[in-house]
Amino acid sequence: MEVVILSGTARMAAVAADAIEALLLRKPDAVLGLATGSSPLPIYDELARRHDRNGLDFSKARGFALDEYVGLEPGHEQSYREVIRREFTDRVNISESNVHTPDGAAEDIPAACEAYENAIKEAGGVDLQILGVGTDGHIGFNEPGSSLASRTRIKTLIEQTRRDNARFFGSVNDVPHHVITQGLGTIMEARHVILVASGAQKAQAVHNFVEGPVSAICAASVLQMHPHATILVDEAAASSLKLADYYRHSYDNKPAWQGL
């Protein structure tokens, strides 16, 4: 796990976009893992700018969303398929048919979860997975207590997550209780993971999953065992890290050939 402490969200977005751009240049049909929530939005803004300004090409790329609410009607503005379309895919030249989300409206949810796992495998797996992290340390919707080996499945949201997401809905009462999410075992199979976290409200979660024990109580801690996980944080989110000075020193003296 590499922890990179940066000056703010714009710099974090640029560093993440650099990695995605480099991937697309060497592998135009790369598979991107697409997260929702507030944290990835600056990355999507930066990628859209590079597409408009420099012609960054997504025409052969493929995307898989991390998760989807269960029970929202098709086309609901807060379904993650719509959020990803609105915030990212409609702003670049990726084919709509190449962007996949779990089917939260399926009659047979377990079958839909299995189908999603198979679709990722058939695509060759995720090359680069974008992640945010919840205040309780969840990634995707793998809430505290999730199996570290879990696969795509239905999960019940804890009330803190529903309250955190109420800002996207009319009220907490409008936030679904269930989601389909890629499991921690699924996420761990991505070849590169980039997690972004900003703000003081994420500081304790960042400390817990970076420097605490690997434990189901903090789902993101599983990334300590990933062979290529990059954690991008701003100064506020890094404020509880005991080894912050070491992380800064390591990044400042990183060999250029090593990349992100």
Protein backbone atom coordinates (compact mmCIF):
# COMPACT_ATOMS: atom_id res chain seq x y z
CA MET A 1 0.00 0.00 0.00
CA GLU A 2 1.36 3.40 -1.03
CA VAL A 3 0.02 6.43 0.84
CA VAL A 4 0.37 9.75 -1.00
CA ILE A 5 -0.43 12.96 0.89
CA LEU A 6 -1.27 15.83 -1.45
CA SER A 7 -2.24 19.46 -1.14
CA GLY A 8 -5.93 19.11 -2.04
CA THR A 9 -8.58 17.48 -4.19
CA ALA A 10 -7.39 19.10 -7.44
CA ARG A 11 -3.93 17.64 -7.03
CA MET A 12 -5.37 14.27 -6.00
CA ALA A 13 -7.58 14.23 -9.09
CA ALA A 14 -4.63 15.09 -11.34
CA VAL A 15 -2.47 12.30 -9.92
CA ALA A 16 -5.28 9.76 -10.29
CA ALA A 17 -6.04 10.96 -13.82
CA ASP A 18 -2.35 10.66 -14.73
CA ALA A 19 -2.49 6.97 -13.82
CA ILE A 20 -5.71 6.40 -15.78
CA GLU A 21 -4.38 8.28 -18.80
CA ALA A 22 -1.15 6.27 -18.77
CA LEU A 23 -3.18 3.05 -18.58
CA LEU A 24 -5.37 4.03 -21.53
CA LEU A 25 -2.34 4.99 -23.62
CA ARG A 26 -0.75 1.58 -23.18
CA LYS A 27 -4.03 -0.37 -23.12
CA PRO A 28 -6.87 1.44 -24.95
CA ASP A 29 -9.40 -1.27 -24.07
CA ALA A 30 -8.64 -1.09 -20.36
CA VAL A 31 -11.33 -2.04 -17.85
CA LEU A 32 -12.04 0.73 -15.34
CA GLY A 33 -13.79 0.19 -12.02
CA LEU A 34 -16.08 3.16 -11.46
CA ALA A 35 -17.06 4.40 -8.00
CA THR A 36 -19.76 6.89 -7.09
CA GLY A 37 -20.16 9.26 -4.16
CA SER A 38 -18.43 12.60 -3.70
CA SER A 39 -14.81 11.44 -3.60
CA PRO A 40 -14.36 10.36 -7.25
CA LEU A 41 -16.08 13.41 -8.77
CA PRO A 42 -12.91 15.53 -9.12
CA ILE A 43 -11.27 12.61 -10.95
CA TYR A 44 -14.14 12.40 -13.41
CA ASP A 45 -14.01 16.18 -13.90
CA GLU A 46 -10.29 15.99 -14.66
CA LEU A 47 -10.69 13.07 -17.08
CA ALA A 48 -13.48 14.92 -18.90
CA ARG A 49 -11.24 17.98 -19.19
CA ARG A 50 -8.44 15.88 -20.64
CA HIS A 51 -10.86 14.31 -23.10
CA ASP A 52 -12.09 17.74 -24.24
CA ARG A 53 -8.69 19.44 -24.23
CA ASN A 54 -6.31 16.72 -25.31
CA GLY A 55 -8.53 14.09 -26.88
CA LEU A 56 -7.99 11.46 -24.19
CA ASP A 57 -9.67 8.49 -25.82
CA PHE A 58 -12.14 6.21 -24.02
CA SER A 59 -13.69 4.71 -27.17
CA LYS A 60 -12.41 1.20 -26.48
CA ALA A 61 -12.46 1.37 -22.69
CA ARG A 62 -14.92 -0.57 -20.58
CA GLY A 63 -16.33 0.28 -17.17
CA PHE A 64 -17.88 -1.60 -14.27
CA ALA A 65 -19.64 0.19 -11.43
CA LEU A 66 -18.90 -0.84 -7.88
CA ASP A 67 -22.48 -1.01 -6.73
CA GLU A 68 -26.14 -0.15 -7.24
CA TYR A 69 -29.17 0.47 -5.06
CA VAL A 70 -31.82 -2.24 -4.90
CA GLY A 71 -35.39 -1.22 -5.63
CA LEU A 72 -34.99 2.13 -7.41
CA GLU A 73 -36.99 2.34 -10.61
CA PRO A 74 -34.97 2.30 -13.86
CA GLY A 75 -33.77 5.79 -14.70
CA HIS A 76 -34.05 7.10 -11.12
CA GLU A 77 -31.72 10.08 -10.91
CA GLN A 78 -29.89 8.64 -7.89
CA SER A 79 -29.40 5.16 -9.31
CA TYR A 80 -25.70 4.68 -9.75
CA ARG A 81 -26.10 3.90 -13.42
CA GLU A 82 -27.56 7.38 -13.86
CA VAL A 83 -24.99 9.02 -11.60
CA ILE A 84 -22.07 7.49 -13.51
CA ARG A 85 -23.66 8.43 -16.81
CA ARG A 86 -24.28 12.02 -15.69
CA GLU A 87 -20.98 12.60 -13.91
CA PHE A 88 -18.62 10.75 -16.23
CA THR A 89 -19.54 8.57 -19.17
CA ASP A 90 -21.72 11.14 -20.98
CA ARG A 91 -18.78 13.56 -20.79
CA VAL A 92 -16.28 11.33 -22.60
CA ASN A 93 -16.44 9.07 -25.66
CA ILE A 94 -16.95 5.74 -23.92
CA SER A 95 -19.63 3.56 -25.48
CA GLU A 96 -22.78 3.18 -23.38
CA SER A 97 -22.76 -0.54 -24.16
CA ASN A 98 -19.32 -0.82 -22.55
CA VAL A 99 -20.48 0.53 -19.18
CA HIS A 100 -21.99 -1.99 -16.77
CA THR A 101 -23.77 -1.68 -13.44
CA PRO A 102 -25.33 -4.35 -11.22
CA ASP A 103 -29.04 -4.91 -11.85
CA GLY A 104 -30.69 -3.61 -8.71
CA ALA A 105 -34.14 -4.08 -10.27
CA ALA A 106 -33.68 -7.77 -11.04
CA GLU A 107 -36.32 -10.22 -9.84
CA ASP A 108 -33.59 -12.74 -8.99
CA ILE A 109 -30.95 -10.75 -7.12
CA PRO A 110 -28.55 -13.68 -6.44
CA ALA A 111 -28.58 -14.54 -10.16
CA ALA A 112 -27.92 -10.90 -11.05
CA CYS A 113 -24.95 -10.84 -8.67
CA GLU A 114 -23.50 -14.00 -10.21
CA ALA A 115 -24.02 -12.59 -13.70
CA TYR A 116 -22.14 -9.42 -12.73
CA GLU A 117 -19.20 -11.40 -11.39
CA ASN A 118 -19.12 -13.40 -14.63
CA ALA A 119 -19.25 -10.23 -16.75
CA ILE A 120 -16.18 -8.83 -14.96
CA LYS A 121 -14.31 -12.10 -15.49
CA GLU A 122 -15.30 -12.24 -19.17
CA ALA A 123 -13.94 -8.70 -19.62
CA GLY A 124 -10.58 -9.90 -18.31
CA GLY A 125 -10.91 -8.33 -14.87
CA VAL A 126 -10.61 -4.73 -13.73
CA ASP A 127 -7.35 -3.00 -14.62
CA LEU A 128 -7.82 0.05 -12.38
CA GLN A 129 -10.43 0.41 -9.68
CA ILE A 130 -11.36 3.84 -8.32
CA LEU A 131 -12.53 3.85 -4.70
CA GLY A 132 -13.71 6.22 -2.03
CA VAL A 133 -14.03 5.27 1.62
CA GLY A 134 -16.89 5.78 4.05
CA THR A 135 -16.54 7.34 7.47
CA ASP A 136 -16.88 3.80 8.91
CA GLY A 137 -14.20 2.42 6.58
CA HIS A 138 -16.50 0.82 4.02
CA ILE A 139 -15.46 0.52 0.36
CA GLY A 140 -18.11 -0.12 -2.23
CA PHE A 141 -20.99 -0.94 0.08
CA ASN A 142 -19.02 -3.49 2.05
CA GLU A 143 -20.20 -2.36 5.46
CA PRO A 144 -18.39 -3.16 8.74
CA GLY A 145 -18.44 -6.91 9.30
CA SER A 146 -18.22 -7.80 5.61
CA SER A 147 -16.26 -10.90 4.74
CA LEU A 148 -12.80 -10.06 3.44
CA ALA A 149 -13.34 -12.76 0.78
CA SER A 150 -16.84 -11.64 -0.24
CA ARG A 151 -18.07 -11.52 -3.83
CA THR A 152 -20.77 -9.41 -5.51
CA ARG A 153 -23.90 -9.74 -3.40
CA ILE A 154 -26.81 -7.92 -1.75
CA LYS A 155 -26.00 -5.96 1.41
CA THR A 156 -28.11 -4.14 3.98
CA LEU A 157 -26.90 -0.59 4.60
CA ILE A 158 -26.16 0.51 8.15
CA GLU A 159 -27.97 3.63 9.28
CA GLN A 160 -24.80 5.77 9.26
CA THR A 161 -24.34 5.05 5.54
CA ARG A 162 -27.99 5.87 4.86
CA ARG A 163 -27.61 9.15 6.75
CA ASP A 164 -24.39 9.94 4.87
CA ASN A 165 -26.16 9.34 1.54
CA ALA A 166 -29.35 11.21 2.46
CA ARG A 167 -27.83 14.39 0.98
CA PHE A 168 -28.36 12.87 -2.47
CA PHE A 169 -32.05 12.14 -1.78
CA GLY A 170 -34.93 14.13 -0.37
CA SER A 171 -34.42 12.64 3.10
CA VAL A 172 -32.95 9.60 4.80
CA ASN A 173 -36.35 7.95 4.42
CA ASP A 174 -35.85 7.93 0.65
CA VAL A 175 -32.50 6.11 0.80
CA PRO A 176 -32.91 2.39 0.00
CA HIS A 177 -32.01 -0.13 2.69
CA HIS A 178 -30.35 -2.56 0.29
CA VAL A 179 -27.69 -2.48 -2.42
CA ILE A 180 -25.81 -4.81 -4.70
CA THR A 181 -22.08 -4.32 -4.26
CA GLN A 182 -18.90 -5.88 -5.51
CA GLY A 183 -17.40 -7.82 -2.63
CA LEU A 184 -14.04 -7.25 -1.04
CA GLY A 185 -12.71 -10.36 -2.73
CA THR A 186 -13.90 -8.99 -6.07
CA ILE A 187 -12.29 -5.59 -5.47
CA MET A 188 -9.03 -7.22 -4.45
CA GLU A 189 -8.75 -8.84 -7.89
CA ALA A 190 -8.41 -5.45 -9.60
CA ARG A 191 -4.84 -5.05 -10.81
CA HIS A 192 -4.49 -1.51 -9.46
CA VAL A 193 -6.65 0.21 -6.86
CA ILE A 194 -6.67 3.98 -6.35
CA LEU A 195 -8.55 5.15 -3.26
CA VAL A 196 -9.16 8.86 -2.68
CA ALA A 197 -10.17 10.45 0.62
CA SER A 198 -10.37 14.11 1.56
CA GLY A 199 -11.48 16.14 4.55
CA ALA A 200 -11.12 15.85 8.30
CA GLN A 201 -14.26 13.70 8.52
CA LYS A 202 -12.33 10.90 6.79
CA ALA A 203 -9.21 11.15 8.98
CA GLN A 204 -10.15 8.44 11.47
CA ALA A 205 -11.24 6.03 8.74
CA VAL A 206 -7.97 6.63 6.86
CA HIS A 207 -5.94 5.97 10.01
CA ASN A 208 -7.94 2.82 10.76
CA PHE A 209 -7.59 1.18 7.37
CA VAL A 210 -4.01 2.29 6.63
CA GLU A 211 -2.38 1.79 10.03
CA GLY A 212 -4.85 -0.34 11.97
CA PRO A 213 -5.29 -4.10 11.90
CA VAL A 214 -6.74 -5.92 8.90
CA SER A 215 -10.22 -6.64 10.13
CA ALA A 216 -13.78 -7.05 8.88
CA ILE A 217 -14.82 -4.21 11.19
CA CYS A 218 -12.94 -1.86 8.82
CA ALA A 219 -13.54 -3.20 5.33
CA ALA A 220 -10.99 -0.95 3.61
CA SER A 221 -8.20 -2.45 5.72
CA VAL A 222 -8.19 -5.41 3.31
CA LEU A 223 -6.29 -3.12 0.92
CA GLN A 224 -3.21 -3.56 3.12
CA MET A 225 -2.94 -6.96 1.41
CA HIS A 226 -3.37 -5.65 -2.15
CA PRO A 227 -0.19 -5.80 -4.26
CA HIS A 228 -0.84 -2.41 -5.91
CA ALA A 229 -3.03 -0.10 -3.84
CA THR A 230 -2.50 3.67 -4.02
CA ILE A 231 -4.12 5.81 -1.31
CA LEU A 232 -4.46 9.50 -2.21
CA VAL A 233 -5.35 11.78 0.70
CA ASP A 234 -5.28 15.48 1.44
CA GLU A 235 -3.69 16.97 4.54
CA ALA A 236 -6.95 16.93 6.51
CA ALA A 237 -7.65 13.28 5.78
CA ALA A 238 -4.03 12.45 6.65
CA SER A 239 -4.13 14.30 9.98
CA SER A 240 -4.45 11.15 12.14
CA LEU A 241 -1.73 9.13 10.39
CA LYS A 242 1.16 8.31 12.71
CA LEU A 243 3.56 7.75 9.80
CA ALA A 244 2.53 10.81 7.77
CA ASP A 245 6.07 12.20 7.63
CA TYR A 246 7.37 8.88 6.33
CA TYR A 247 4.70 8.75 3.64
CA ARG A 248 5.63 12.26 2.51
CA HIS A 249 9.35 11.40 2.48
CA SER A 250 8.74 8.21 0.52
CA TYR A 251 6.69 9.98 -2.16
CA ASP A 252 9.09 12.91 -2.43
CA ASN A 253 11.99 10.51 -3.02
CA LYS A 254 10.21 7.97 -5.18
CA PRO A 255 12.16 6.81 -8.25
CA ALA A 256 10.64 8.22 -11.44
CA TRP A 257 10.62 4.79 -13.05
CA GLN A 258 8.36 3.40 -10.35
CA GLY A 259 5.26 5.32 -11.47
CA LEU A 260 2.09 5.47 -9.42
